[in-house]
Amino acid sequence: MDRVRDVLANWPYPPDGGWTADDLDLLPEDGPNGELDLFKRVELVDGALILMSPQRLFHETVLANLRASLRAQAPDTLTAVSQMDIKLGPRQRPCPDVVVVNRAATSDMGRTAFEPADVHLAIEVVSPESDHRDHHVKPRIYAEAGIEHLWIVEEERGQPVIHTYELDRAIGFYQGTGIHREELSVEAPFPIDIRFTDLLA
């Protein structure tokens, strides 16, 4: 019988060997000292366990409406899901706000993470506590994993602004393809048209 790794045996210190992507499946929802929902929203970036702060209403509203809009426009082979991890490697398991993935990868309702080969677009909605990760750290690890498209959503005077990027494989990093206000119209990863008034509805 396989021994189950006790990831919280030395909490708040990392388990033996440090945190791994697979460890996130072993975390309970509540903390070891009874902290409610402590591990409800957690990701692993560069081997560091990151507990995410509560979402603001702007974040939740834009996230939900982006997912709905992408689902409605996606071809039959793709779909959009929110707050699902991508297992990029042993020490990388980020949780984008929205991802567009191969529909076939969603057939397993028990899965907790996608493989990078299934991901066509990762979207991060920036919050004050995630600003550095969303602009600098996550683009690096998404590019290293070969994820073709990245959107970063900012709040500007209460309105969403979407920065779109495409992976340039020659340099191994993203090149900006546009800054979108009021509406977005792109052809990749599939034809998408979004009016930003719908994102705050």
N, C-alpha and C. Protein backbone atom coordinates (compact mmCIF):
# COMPACT_ATOMS: atom_id res chain seq x y z
N MET A 1 0.85 -1.20 0.00
CA MET A 1 0.00 0.00 0.00
C MET A 1 0.89 1.24 0.00
N ASP A 2 0.59 2.20 -0.87
CA ASP A 2 1.38 3.42 -0.95
C ASP A 2 1.14 4.30 0.26
N ARG A 3 2.22 4.87 0.78
CA ARG A 3 2.10 5.80 1.89
C ARG A 3 1.63 7.15 1.37
N VAL A 4 0.62 7.71 2.01
CA VAL A 4 0.13 9.03 1.61
C VAL A 4 1.02 10.09 2.23
N ARG A 5 1.54 10.96 1.40
CA ARG A 5 2.43 12.03 1.86
C ARG A 5 1.65 12.98 2.78
N ASP A 6 2.16 13.23 3.97
CA ASP A 6 1.53 14.15 4.92
C ASP A 6 2.10 15.54 4.65
N VAL A 7 1.43 16.29 3.80
CA VAL A 7 1.99 17.57 3.36
C VAL A 7 1.93 18.64 4.45
N LEU A 8 1.13 18.42 5.48
CA LEU A 8 0.99 19.43 6.53
C LEU A 8 1.71 19.03 7.83
N ALA A 9 2.54 18.00 7.78
CA ALA A 9 3.20 17.52 8.99
C ALA A 9 4.07 18.58 9.64
N ASN A 10 4.69 19.45 8.82
CA ASN A 10 5.59 20.49 9.35
C ASN A 10 5.03 21.90 9.18
N TRP A 11 3.73 22.01 8.91
CA TRP A 11 3.13 23.31 8.66
C TRP A 11 3.48 24.30 9.77
N PRO A 12 3.85 25.55 9.46
CA PRO A 12 3.74 26.23 8.16
C PRO A 12 4.96 26.06 7.26
N TYR A 13 5.87 25.17 7.61
CA TYR A 13 7.05 24.94 6.76
C TYR A 13 6.69 23.94 5.66
N PRO A 14 7.40 23.96 4.54
CA PRO A 14 7.11 23.03 3.44
C PRO A 14 7.35 21.59 3.87
N PRO A 15 6.70 20.64 3.21
CA PRO A 15 6.97 19.22 3.50
C PRO A 15 8.37 18.85 3.04
N ASP A 16 8.83 17.66 3.40
CA ASP A 16 10.15 17.19 3.00
C ASP A 16 10.31 17.29 1.49
N GLY A 17 11.41 17.90 1.05
CA GLY A 17 11.65 18.04 -0.38
C GLY A 17 10.97 19.23 -1.01
N GLY A 18 10.20 19.98 -0.23
CA GLY A 18 9.50 21.15 -0.77
C GLY A 18 8.16 20.79 -1.38
N TRP A 19 7.40 21.81 -1.70
CA TRP A 19 6.08 21.61 -2.28
C TRP A 19 6.20 21.14 -3.72
N THR A 20 5.30 20.23 -4.12
CA THR A 20 5.24 19.78 -5.50
C THR A 20 3.82 20.00 -6.03
N ALA A 21 3.70 19.94 -7.36
CA ALA A 21 2.40 20.14 -7.98
C ALA A 21 1.38 19.11 -7.49
N ASP A 22 1.82 17.89 -7.27
CA ASP A 22 0.90 16.84 -6.81
C ASP A 22 0.43 17.06 -5.38
N ASP A 23 1.21 17.80 -4.58
CA ASP A 23 0.82 18.04 -3.19
C ASP A 23 -0.50 18.81 -3.08
N LEU A 24 -0.81 19.62 -4.07
CA LEU A 24 -2.02 20.43 -3.97
C LEU A 24 -3.27 19.56 -3.92
N ASP A 25 -3.20 18.36 -4.51
CA ASP A 25 -4.35 17.45 -4.44
C ASP A 25 -4.51 16.83 -3.06
N LEU A 26 -3.48 16.95 -2.21
CA LEU A 26 -3.52 16.35 -0.88
C LEU A 26 -3.93 17.36 0.20
N LEU A 27 -4.04 18.62 -0.16
CA LEU A 27 -4.41 19.65 0.82
C LEU A 27 -5.90 19.59 1.14
N PRO A 28 -6.26 19.71 2.41
CA PRO A 28 -7.68 19.83 2.75
C PRO A 28 -8.15 21.25 2.43
N GLU A 29 -9.43 21.49 2.49
CA GLU A 29 -9.93 22.85 2.23
C GLU A 29 -9.62 23.76 3.40
N ASP A 30 -9.76 23.24 4.63
CA ASP A 30 -9.50 24.04 5.82
C ASP A 30 -8.06 23.84 6.30
N GLY A 31 -7.57 24.82 7.07
CA GLY A 31 -6.21 24.77 7.57
C GLY A 31 -6.03 23.77 8.70
N PRO A 32 -4.77 23.44 9.03
CA PRO A 32 -4.51 22.44 10.07
C PRO A 32 -4.92 22.88 11.46
N ASN A 33 -5.12 24.17 11.66
CA ASN A 33 -5.54 24.68 12.96
C ASN A 33 -7.00 25.12 12.94
N GLY A 34 -7.75 24.61 11.95
CA GLY A 34 -9.17 24.93 11.87
C GLY A 34 -9.48 26.20 11.09
N GLU A 35 -8.50 26.76 10.39
CA GLU A 35 -8.75 27.98 9.61
C GLU A 35 -9.67 27.64 8.43
N LEU A 36 -10.86 28.19 8.43
CA LEU A 36 -11.84 27.86 7.41
C LEU A 36 -11.37 28.31 6.02
N ASP A 37 -11.47 27.40 5.06
CA ASP A 37 -11.19 27.70 3.65
C ASP A 37 -9.76 28.19 3.39
N LEU A 38 -8.83 27.85 4.27
CA LEU A 38 -7.45 28.35 4.11
C LEU A 38 -6.86 27.92 2.77
N PHE A 39 -7.13 26.68 2.36
CA PHE A 39 -6.54 26.17 1.13
C PHE A 39 -7.55 26.10 -0.02
N LYS A 40 -8.63 26.85 0.10
CA LYS A 40 -9.66 26.80 -0.94
C LYS A 40 -9.14 27.36 -2.26
N ARG A 41 -8.33 28.40 -2.19
CA ARG A 41 -7.76 29.00 -3.40
C ARG A 41 -6.25 29.09 -3.20
N VAL A 42 -5.55 28.15 -3.81
CA VAL A 42 -4.11 28.07 -3.60
C VAL A 42 -3.46 27.66 -4.92
N GLU A 43 -2.25 28.14 -5.15
CA GLU A 43 -1.50 27.73 -6.33
C GLU A 43 -0.03 27.58 -5.96
N LEU A 44 0.70 26.92 -6.85
CA LEU A 44 2.13 26.69 -6.65
C LEU A 44 2.88 27.35 -7.79
N VAL A 45 3.74 28.32 -7.44
CA VAL A 45 4.51 29.06 -8.44
C VAL A 45 5.97 29.07 -8.02
N ASP A 46 6.84 28.55 -8.89
CA ASP A 46 8.27 28.44 -8.58
C ASP A 46 8.51 27.73 -7.26
N GLY A 47 7.70 26.71 -6.97
CA GLY A 47 7.86 25.92 -5.77
C GLY A 47 7.31 26.55 -4.50
N ALA A 48 6.72 27.75 -4.62
CA ALA A 48 6.17 28.44 -3.46
C ALA A 48 4.66 28.28 -3.43
N LEU A 49 4.14 27.92 -2.26
CA LEU A 49 2.70 27.80 -2.07
C LEU A 49 2.12 29.20 -1.87
N ILE A 50 1.15 29.57 -2.69
CA ILE A 50 0.56 30.90 -2.63
C ILE A 50 -0.91 30.79 -2.26
N LEU A 51 -1.27 31.38 -1.12
CA LEU A 51 -2.67 31.43 -0.69
C LEU A 51 -3.25 32.72 -1.22
N MET A 52 -4.27 32.61 -2.03
CA MET A 52 -4.81 33.79 -2.69
C MET A 52 -5.85 34.48 -1.83
N SER A 53 -5.85 35.81 -1.90
CA SER A 53 -6.76 36.61 -1.10
C SER A 53 -8.18 36.53 -1.66
N PRO A 54 -9.18 36.91 -0.87
CA PRO A 54 -10.56 36.91 -1.37
C PRO A 54 -10.70 37.80 -2.61
N GLN A 55 -11.57 37.38 -3.53
CA GLN A 55 -11.78 38.14 -4.75
C GLN A 55 -12.64 39.37 -4.51
N ARG A 56 -12.30 40.45 -5.24
CA ARG A 56 -13.19 41.61 -5.27
C ARG A 56 -14.31 41.33 -6.27
N LEU A 57 -15.41 42.07 -6.16
CA LEU A 57 -16.55 41.86 -7.04
C LEU A 57 -16.19 42.11 -8.50
N PHE A 58 -15.32 43.09 -8.77
CA PHE A 58 -14.88 43.35 -10.15
C PHE A 58 -14.24 42.08 -10.73
N HIS A 59 -13.37 41.49 -9.96
CA HIS A 59 -12.64 40.29 -10.38
C HIS A 59 -13.62 39.15 -10.69
N GLU A 60 -14.51 38.88 -9.77
CA GLU A 60 -15.48 37.78 -9.94
C GLU A 60 -16.40 38.02 -11.13
N THR A 61 -16.89 39.27 -11.28
CA THR A 61 -17.83 39.57 -12.36
C THR A 61 -17.18 39.44 -13.72
N VAL A 62 -15.98 40.02 -13.88
CA VAL A 62 -15.28 39.93 -15.16
C VAL A 62 -14.93 38.48 -15.47
N LEU A 63 -14.44 37.76 -14.48
CA LEU A 63 -14.07 36.36 -14.66
C LEU A 63 -15.27 35.54 -15.16
N ALA A 64 -16.41 35.66 -14.49
CA ALA A 64 -17.58 34.87 -14.85
C ALA A 64 -18.08 35.21 -16.25
N ASN A 65 -18.11 36.49 -16.57
CA ASN A 65 -18.62 36.89 -17.88
C ASN A 65 -17.65 36.58 -19.01
N LEU A 66 -16.35 36.65 -18.74
CA LEU A 66 -15.37 36.23 -19.74
C LEU A 66 -15.54 34.75 -20.06
N ARG A 67 -15.66 33.95 -19.04
CA ARG A 67 -15.83 32.51 -19.27
C ARG A 67 -17.09 32.23 -20.08
N ALA A 68 -18.19 32.89 -19.72
CA ALA A 68 -19.44 32.67 -20.44
C ALA A 68 -19.33 33.10 -21.90
N SER A 69 -18.71 34.24 -22.14
CA SER A 69 -18.56 34.73 -23.51
C SER A 69 -17.68 33.80 -24.35
N LEU A 70 -16.58 33.36 -23.77
CA LEU A 70 -15.68 32.45 -24.49
C LEU A 70 -16.35 31.11 -24.76
N ARG A 71 -17.09 30.60 -23.81
CA ARG A 71 -17.81 29.34 -24.03
C ARG A 71 -18.80 29.47 -25.18
N ALA A 72 -19.50 30.60 -25.21
CA ALA A 72 -20.52 30.79 -26.24
C ALA A 72 -19.93 30.89 -27.64
N GLN A 73 -18.68 31.38 -27.74
CA GLN A 73 -18.07 31.60 -29.05
C GLN A 73 -17.08 30.51 -29.48
N ALA A 74 -16.70 29.66 -28.56
CA ALA A 74 -15.67 28.66 -28.85
C ALA A 74 -16.19 27.61 -29.84
N PRO A 75 -15.30 27.10 -30.69
CA PRO A 75 -15.69 25.98 -31.54
C PRO A 75 -15.96 24.74 -30.69
N ASP A 76 -16.57 23.73 -31.31
CA ASP A 76 -16.96 22.54 -30.56
C ASP A 76 -15.78 21.82 -29.91
N THR A 77 -14.59 22.01 -30.44
CA THR A 77 -13.42 21.29 -29.92
C THR A 77 -12.81 21.96 -28.69
N LEU A 78 -13.25 23.18 -28.36
CA LEU A 78 -12.68 23.93 -27.24
C LEU A 78 -13.77 24.36 -26.27
N THR A 79 -13.37 24.66 -25.04
CA THR A 79 -14.28 25.25 -24.07
C THR A 79 -13.48 26.09 -23.09
N ALA A 80 -14.17 26.90 -22.31
CA ALA A 80 -13.52 27.75 -21.31
C ALA A 80 -13.95 27.31 -19.92
N VAL A 81 -12.99 27.26 -19.00
CA VAL A 81 -13.27 26.92 -17.61
C VAL A 81 -12.56 27.94 -16.72
N SER A 82 -13.05 28.07 -15.52
CA SER A 82 -12.46 29.07 -14.62
C SER A 82 -11.82 28.40 -13.41
N GLN A 83 -10.74 29.03 -12.95
CA GLN A 83 -10.04 28.66 -11.73
C GLN A 83 -9.71 27.16 -11.65
N MET A 84 -9.13 26.67 -12.75
CA MET A 84 -8.61 25.30 -12.78
C MET A 84 -7.10 25.39 -12.97
N ASP A 85 -6.37 24.58 -12.22
CA ASP A 85 -4.92 24.60 -12.28
C ASP A 85 -4.39 24.08 -13.61
N ILE A 86 -3.16 24.50 -13.93
CA ILE A 86 -2.40 23.89 -15.01
C ILE A 86 -1.14 23.31 -14.38
N LYS A 87 -0.92 22.03 -14.56
CA LYS A 87 0.26 21.38 -14.00
C LYS A 87 1.39 21.51 -15.01
N LEU A 88 2.24 22.52 -14.80
CA LEU A 88 3.30 22.84 -15.75
C LEU A 88 4.58 22.08 -15.50
N GLY A 89 4.76 21.57 -14.30
CA GLY A 89 5.97 20.85 -13.95
C GLY A 89 5.93 20.51 -12.48
N PRO A 90 6.97 19.85 -11.96
CA PRO A 90 6.97 19.42 -10.56
C PRO A 90 6.79 20.57 -9.56
N ARG A 91 7.26 21.78 -9.91
CA ARG A 91 7.19 22.91 -8.97
C ARG A 91 6.32 24.04 -9.48
N GLN A 92 5.53 23.76 -10.52
CA GLN A 92 4.70 24.81 -11.10
C GLN A 92 3.27 24.30 -11.28
N ARG A 93 2.34 24.89 -10.55
CA ARG A 93 0.93 24.56 -10.72
C ARG A 93 0.10 25.83 -10.48
N PRO A 94 0.17 26.76 -11.42
CA PRO A 94 -0.61 27.99 -11.26
C PRO A 94 -2.09 27.74 -11.53
N CYS A 95 -2.89 28.69 -11.08
CA CYS A 95 -4.34 28.61 -11.25
C CYS A 95 -4.82 29.87 -11.96
N PRO A 96 -4.83 29.88 -13.29
CA PRO A 96 -5.32 31.06 -14.01
C PRO A 96 -6.80 31.31 -13.69
N ASP A 97 -7.24 32.54 -13.91
CA ASP A 97 -8.65 32.85 -13.67
C ASP A 97 -9.55 32.15 -14.68
N VAL A 98 -9.14 32.12 -15.94
CA VAL A 98 -9.89 31.43 -16.99
C VAL A 98 -8.88 30.77 -17.91
N VAL A 99 -9.21 29.58 -18.41
CA VAL A 99 -8.40 28.93 -19.45
C VAL A 99 -9.33 28.42 -20.54
N VAL A 100 -8.84 28.49 -21.78
CA VAL A 100 -9.50 27.84 -22.90
C VAL A 100 -8.73 26.55 -23.16
N VAL A 101 -9.44 25.44 -23.12
CA VAL A 101 -8.80 24.12 -23.21
C VAL A 101 -9.50 23.26 -24.25
N ASN A 102 -8.83 22.18 -24.64
CA ASN A 102 -9.46 21.18 -25.49
C ASN A 102 -10.66 20.59 -24.76
N ARG A 103 -11.80 20.56 -25.44
CA ARG A 103 -13.01 20.02 -24.80
C ARG A 103 -12.80 18.57 -24.35
N ALA A 104 -12.03 17.81 -25.11
CA ALA A 104 -11.80 16.42 -24.74
C ALA A 104 -11.15 16.29 -23.37
N ALA A 105 -10.39 17.31 -22.97
CA ALA A 105 -9.71 17.25 -21.67
C ALA A 105 -10.67 17.45 -20.51
N THR A 106 -11.91 17.88 -20.78
CA THR A 106 -12.88 18.12 -19.71
C THR A 106 -13.81 16.92 -19.50
N SER A 107 -13.55 15.82 -20.18
CA SER A 107 -14.44 14.66 -20.03
C SER A 107 -14.31 14.00 -18.66
N ASP A 108 -13.15 14.17 -18.01
CA ASP A 108 -12.94 13.60 -16.67
C ASP A 108 -13.36 14.63 -15.63
N MET A 109 -14.53 14.44 -15.05
CA MET A 109 -15.06 15.39 -14.08
C MET A 109 -14.31 15.37 -12.75
N GLY A 110 -13.43 14.39 -12.57
CA GLY A 110 -12.67 14.31 -11.32
C GLY A 110 -11.31 14.98 -11.40
N ARG A 111 -10.95 15.47 -12.56
CA ARG A 111 -9.61 16.04 -12.69
C ARG A 111 -9.50 17.35 -11.93
N THR A 112 -8.30 17.66 -11.46
CA THR A 112 -8.06 18.89 -10.70
C THR A 112 -7.09 19.83 -11.41
N ALA A 113 -6.51 19.39 -12.52
CA ALA A 113 -5.57 20.23 -13.25
C ALA A 113 -5.51 19.78 -14.70
N PHE A 114 -5.14 20.72 -15.57
CA PHE A 114 -4.94 20.43 -16.98
C PHE A 114 -3.45 20.36 -17.28
N GLU A 115 -3.12 19.66 -18.36
CA GLU A 115 -1.76 19.64 -18.88
C GLU A 115 -1.59 20.83 -19.82
N PRO A 116 -0.38 21.40 -19.93
CA PRO A 116 -0.20 22.57 -20.78
C PRO A 116 -0.56 22.31 -22.24
N ALA A 117 -0.40 21.08 -22.72
CA ALA A 117 -0.75 20.77 -24.11
C ALA A 117 -2.23 20.95 -24.40
N ASP A 118 -3.07 20.91 -23.35
CA ASP A 118 -4.51 21.09 -23.52
C ASP A 118 -4.94 22.55 -23.51
N VAL A 119 -4.04 23.46 -23.13
CA VAL A 119 -4.40 24.86 -22.90
C VAL A 119 -4.03 25.72 -24.11
N HIS A 120 -5.00 26.46 -24.62
CA HIS A 120 -4.79 27.34 -25.76
C HIS A 120 -4.70 28.81 -25.34
N LEU A 121 -5.32 29.15 -24.23
CA LEU A 121 -5.34 30.53 -23.75
C LEU A 121 -5.43 30.52 -22.23
N ALA A 122 -4.57 31.30 -21.58
CA ALA A 122 -4.66 31.52 -20.13
C ALA A 122 -4.99 32.99 -19.90
N ILE A 123 -5.88 33.26 -18.97
CA ILE A 123 -6.31 34.63 -18.67
C ILE A 123 -6.11 34.89 -17.19
N GLU A 124 -5.46 36.00 -16.89
CA GLU A 124 -5.29 36.45 -15.51
C GLU A 124 -6.00 37.80 -15.33
N VAL A 125 -6.88 37.86 -14.34
CA VAL A 125 -7.52 39.12 -13.96
C VAL A 125 -6.72 39.66 -12.78
N VAL A 126 -6.06 40.78 -12.98
CA VAL A 126 -5.10 41.30 -12.00
C VAL A 126 -5.82 41.87 -10.78
N SER A 127 -5.30 41.51 -9.61
CA SER A 127 -5.75 42.10 -8.35
C SER A 127 -4.53 42.71 -7.68
N PRO A 128 -4.71 43.59 -6.68
CA PRO A 128 -3.55 44.22 -6.06
C PRO A 128 -2.50 43.23 -5.55
N GLU A 129 -2.93 42.10 -4.96
CA GLU A 129 -1.96 41.17 -4.40
C GLU A 129 -1.30 40.29 -5.46
N SER A 130 -1.91 40.20 -6.65
CA SER A 130 -1.34 39.33 -7.69
C SER A 130 -0.62 40.11 -8.78
N ASP A 131 -0.50 41.42 -8.64
CA ASP A 131 0.01 42.26 -9.72
C ASP A 131 1.37 41.79 -10.25
N HIS A 132 2.34 41.57 -9.37
CA HIS A 132 3.67 41.17 -9.81
C HIS A 132 3.64 39.78 -10.45
N ARG A 133 2.95 38.85 -9.84
CA ARG A 133 2.87 37.50 -10.41
C ARG A 133 2.22 37.51 -11.79
N ASP A 134 1.13 38.26 -11.93
CA ASP A 134 0.39 38.25 -13.19
C ASP A 134 1.15 38.93 -14.33
N HIS A 135 1.96 39.93 -14.00
CA HIS A 135 2.69 40.65 -15.05
C HIS A 135 4.07 40.09 -15.35
N HIS A 136 4.69 39.46 -14.37
CA HIS A 136 6.09 39.07 -14.55
C HIS A 136 6.35 37.57 -14.38
N VAL A 137 5.79 36.98 -13.34
CA VAL A 137 6.11 35.58 -13.03
C VAL A 137 5.31 34.62 -13.91
N LYS A 138 4.02 34.79 -13.95
CA LYS A 138 3.19 33.84 -14.70
C LYS A 138 3.44 33.89 -16.21
N PRO A 139 3.60 35.06 -16.81
CA PRO A 139 3.95 35.02 -18.24
C PRO A 139 5.20 34.20 -18.52
N ARG A 140 6.19 34.27 -17.65
CA ARG A 140 7.41 33.49 -17.86
C ARG A 140 7.13 32.00 -17.83
N ILE A 141 6.38 31.54 -16.83
CA ILE A 141 6.18 30.10 -16.72
C ILE A 141 5.17 29.60 -17.76
N TYR A 142 4.21 30.42 -18.16
CA TYR A 142 3.30 30.01 -19.24
C TYR A 142 4.06 29.91 -20.56
N ALA A 143 4.95 30.86 -20.81
CA ALA A 143 5.74 30.82 -22.04
C ALA A 143 6.66 29.61 -22.05
N GLU A 144 7.29 29.33 -20.93
CA GLU A 144 8.18 28.16 -20.85
C GLU A 144 7.42 26.86 -21.11
N ALA A 145 6.14 26.84 -20.76
CA ALA A 145 5.31 25.65 -20.96
C ALA A 145 4.73 25.58 -22.37
N GLY A 146 4.91 26.65 -23.17
CA GLY A 146 4.45 26.64 -24.56
C GLY A 146 3.00 27.00 -24.75
N ILE A 147 2.38 27.67 -23.78
CA ILE A 147 0.98 28.09 -23.92
C ILE A 147 0.93 29.26 -24.90
N GLU A 148 0.16 29.10 -25.97
CA GLU A 148 0.23 30.01 -27.12
C GLU A 148 -0.28 31.42 -26.85
N HIS A 149 -1.34 31.54 -26.04
CA HIS A 149 -1.98 32.85 -25.88
C HIS A 149 -2.17 33.17 -24.40
N LEU A 150 -2.01 34.45 -24.08
CA LEU A 150 -2.17 34.96 -22.72
C LEU A 150 -2.91 36.28 -22.78
N TRP A 151 -3.91 36.44 -21.92
CA TRP A 151 -4.58 37.73 -21.74
C TRP A 151 -4.39 38.16 -20.29
N ILE A 152 -4.08 39.43 -20.11
CA ILE A 152 -4.01 40.02 -18.78
C ILE A 152 -5.06 41.12 -18.70
N VAL A 153 -5.96 40.99 -17.74
CA VAL A 153 -7.08 41.91 -17.60
C VAL A 153 -6.80 42.86 -16.45
N GLU A 154 -6.78 44.15 -16.75
CA GLU A 154 -6.56 45.19 -15.75
C GLU A 154 -7.88 45.92 -15.46
N GLU A 155 -7.92 46.59 -14.33
CA GLU A 155 -9.02 47.49 -14.03
C GLU A 155 -8.52 48.92 -14.19
N GLU A 156 -9.19 49.71 -15.01
CA GLU A 156 -8.81 51.09 -15.26
C GLU A 156 -10.04 51.97 -15.05
N ARG A 157 -10.04 52.72 -13.95
CA ARG A 157 -11.18 53.57 -13.59
C ARG A 157 -12.49 52.79 -13.61
N GLY A 158 -12.43 51.59 -13.04
CA GLY A 158 -13.63 50.79 -12.91
C GLY A 158 -14.01 50.00 -14.14
N GLN A 159 -13.22 50.10 -15.21
CA GLN A 159 -13.52 49.41 -16.46
C GLN A 159 -12.41 48.41 -16.79
N PRO A 160 -12.77 47.31 -17.44
CA PRO A 160 -11.74 46.34 -17.81
C PRO A 160 -10.93 46.80 -19.02
N VAL A 161 -9.64 46.49 -19.00
CA VAL A 161 -8.74 46.67 -20.14
C VAL A 161 -8.04 45.32 -20.32
N ILE A 162 -8.06 44.80 -21.55
CA ILE A 162 -7.47 43.49 -21.80
C ILE A 162 -6.23 43.63 -22.68
N HIS A 163 -5.11 43.16 -22.16
CA HIS A 163 -3.85 43.11 -22.90
C HIS A 163 -3.71 41.70 -23.46
N THR A 164 -3.57 41.57 -24.78
CA THR A 164 -3.47 40.26 -25.40
C THR A 164 -2.04 40.00 -25.87
N TYR A 165 -1.62 38.74 -25.73
CA TYR A 165 -0.25 38.34 -26.06
C TYR A 165 -0.26 37.01 -26.81
N GLU A 166 0.74 36.83 -27.66
CA GLU A 166 0.92 35.58 -28.37
C GLU A 166 2.36 35.13 -28.20
N LEU A 167 2.54 33.83 -28.02
CA LEU A 167 3.89 33.29 -27.80
C LEU A 167 4.71 33.38 -29.08
N ASP A 168 5.88 34.01 -28.97
CA ASP A 168 6.85 34.05 -30.06
C ASP A 168 7.87 32.95 -29.78
N ARG A 169 7.77 31.85 -30.50
CA ARG A 169 8.62 30.69 -30.20
C ARG A 169 10.09 30.97 -30.52
N ALA A 170 10.37 31.95 -31.37
CA ALA A 170 11.77 32.26 -31.70
C ALA A 170 12.50 32.82 -30.49
N ILE A 171 11.80 33.56 -29.64
CA ILE A 171 12.43 34.14 -28.46
C ILE A 171 11.98 33.46 -27.17
N GLY A 172 10.98 32.59 -27.27
CA GLY A 172 10.50 31.87 -26.10
C GLY A 172 9.73 32.72 -25.12
N PHE A 173 9.12 33.81 -25.62
CA PHE A 173 8.34 34.67 -24.73
C PHE A 173 7.20 35.30 -25.52
N TYR A 174 6.34 36.04 -24.80
CA TYR A 174 5.16 36.62 -25.42
C TYR A 174 5.46 37.97 -26.07
N GLN A 175 4.76 38.20 -27.18
CA GLN A 175 4.74 39.50 -27.83
C GLN A 175 3.33 40.06 -27.70
N GLY A 176 3.22 41.35 -27.36
CA GLY A 176 1.91 41.97 -27.25
C GLY A 176 1.24 42.05 -28.61
N THR A 177 -0.06 41.73 -28.64
CA THR A 177 -0.83 41.83 -29.89
C THR A 177 -1.93 42.87 -29.81
N GLY A 178 -2.10 43.50 -28.64
CA GLY A 178 -3.11 44.55 -28.56
C GLY A 178 -3.46 44.92 -27.14
N ILE A 179 -3.95 46.16 -27.00
CA ILE A 179 -4.52 46.64 -25.74
C ILE A 179 -5.94 47.04 -26.07
N HIS A 180 -6.91 46.41 -25.41
CA HIS A 180 -8.31 46.53 -25.81
C HIS A 180 -9.12 47.22 -24.72
N ARG A 181 -9.81 48.28 -25.14
CA ARG A 181 -10.75 48.99 -24.28
C ARG A 181 -12.11 49.03 -24.97
N GLU A 182 -13.13 48.89 -24.20
CA GLU A 182 -14.52 48.93 -24.67
C GLU A 182 -14.94 47.69 -25.45
N GLU A 183 -14.06 47.16 -26.30
CA GLU A 183 -14.38 45.92 -27.00
C GLU A 183 -13.10 45.23 -27.45
N LEU A 184 -13.24 43.95 -27.71
CA LEU A 184 -12.11 43.14 -28.16
C LEU A 184 -12.57 42.31 -29.36
N SER A 185 -11.73 42.28 -30.38
CA SER A 185 -12.00 41.44 -31.54
C SER A 185 -10.68 40.84 -31.99
N VAL A 186 -10.54 39.51 -31.87
CA VAL A 186 -9.31 38.82 -32.23
C VAL A 186 -9.66 37.57 -33.03
N GLU A 187 -8.67 37.05 -33.73
CA GLU A 187 -8.87 35.84 -34.54
C GLU A 187 -8.27 34.60 -33.91
N ALA A 188 -7.45 34.76 -32.87
CA ALA A 188 -6.79 33.61 -32.26
C ALA A 188 -6.92 33.69 -30.74
N PRO A 189 -7.11 32.55 -30.07
CA PRO A 189 -7.01 31.18 -30.58
C PRO A 189 -8.20 30.73 -31.43
N PHE A 190 -9.27 31.54 -31.50
CA PHE A 190 -10.39 31.37 -32.42
C PHE A 190 -11.05 32.74 -32.51
N PRO A 191 -11.92 32.97 -33.48
CA PRO A 191 -12.54 34.30 -33.59
C PRO A 191 -13.36 34.64 -32.35
N ILE A 192 -13.02 35.78 -31.73
CA ILE A 192 -13.67 36.19 -30.48
C ILE A 192 -14.03 37.67 -30.58
N ASP A 193 -15.27 38.01 -30.24
CA ASP A 193 -15.72 39.39 -30.16
C ASP A 193 -16.40 39.59 -28.82
N ILE A 194 -15.90 40.57 -28.05
CA ILE A 194 -16.45 40.82 -26.71
C ILE A 194 -16.65 42.33 -26.54
N ARG A 195 -17.85 42.72 -26.16
CA ARG A 195 -18.11 44.11 -25.76
C ARG A 195 -17.93 44.18 -24.25
N PHE A 196 -17.16 45.14 -23.79
CA PHE A 196 -16.79 45.16 -22.38
C PHE A 196 -17.95 45.54 -21.47
N THR A 197 -18.99 46.17 -22.02
CA THR A 197 -20.17 46.42 -21.20
C THR A 197 -20.77 45.09 -20.72
N ASP A 198 -20.60 44.05 -21.54
CA ASP A 198 -21.12 42.72 -21.15
C ASP A 198 -20.30 42.10 -20.02
N LEU A 199 -19.03 42.52 -19.89
CA LEU A 199 -18.19 41.93 -18.85
C LEU A 199 -18.56 42.40 -17.45
N LEU A 200 -19.24 43.52 -17.36
CA LEU A 200 -19.62 44.06 -16.05
C LEU A 200 -21.12 43.92 -15.79
N ALA A 201 -21.82 43.21 -16.67
CA ALA A 201 -23.28 43.07 -16.53
C ALA A 201 -23.63 42.17 -15.35
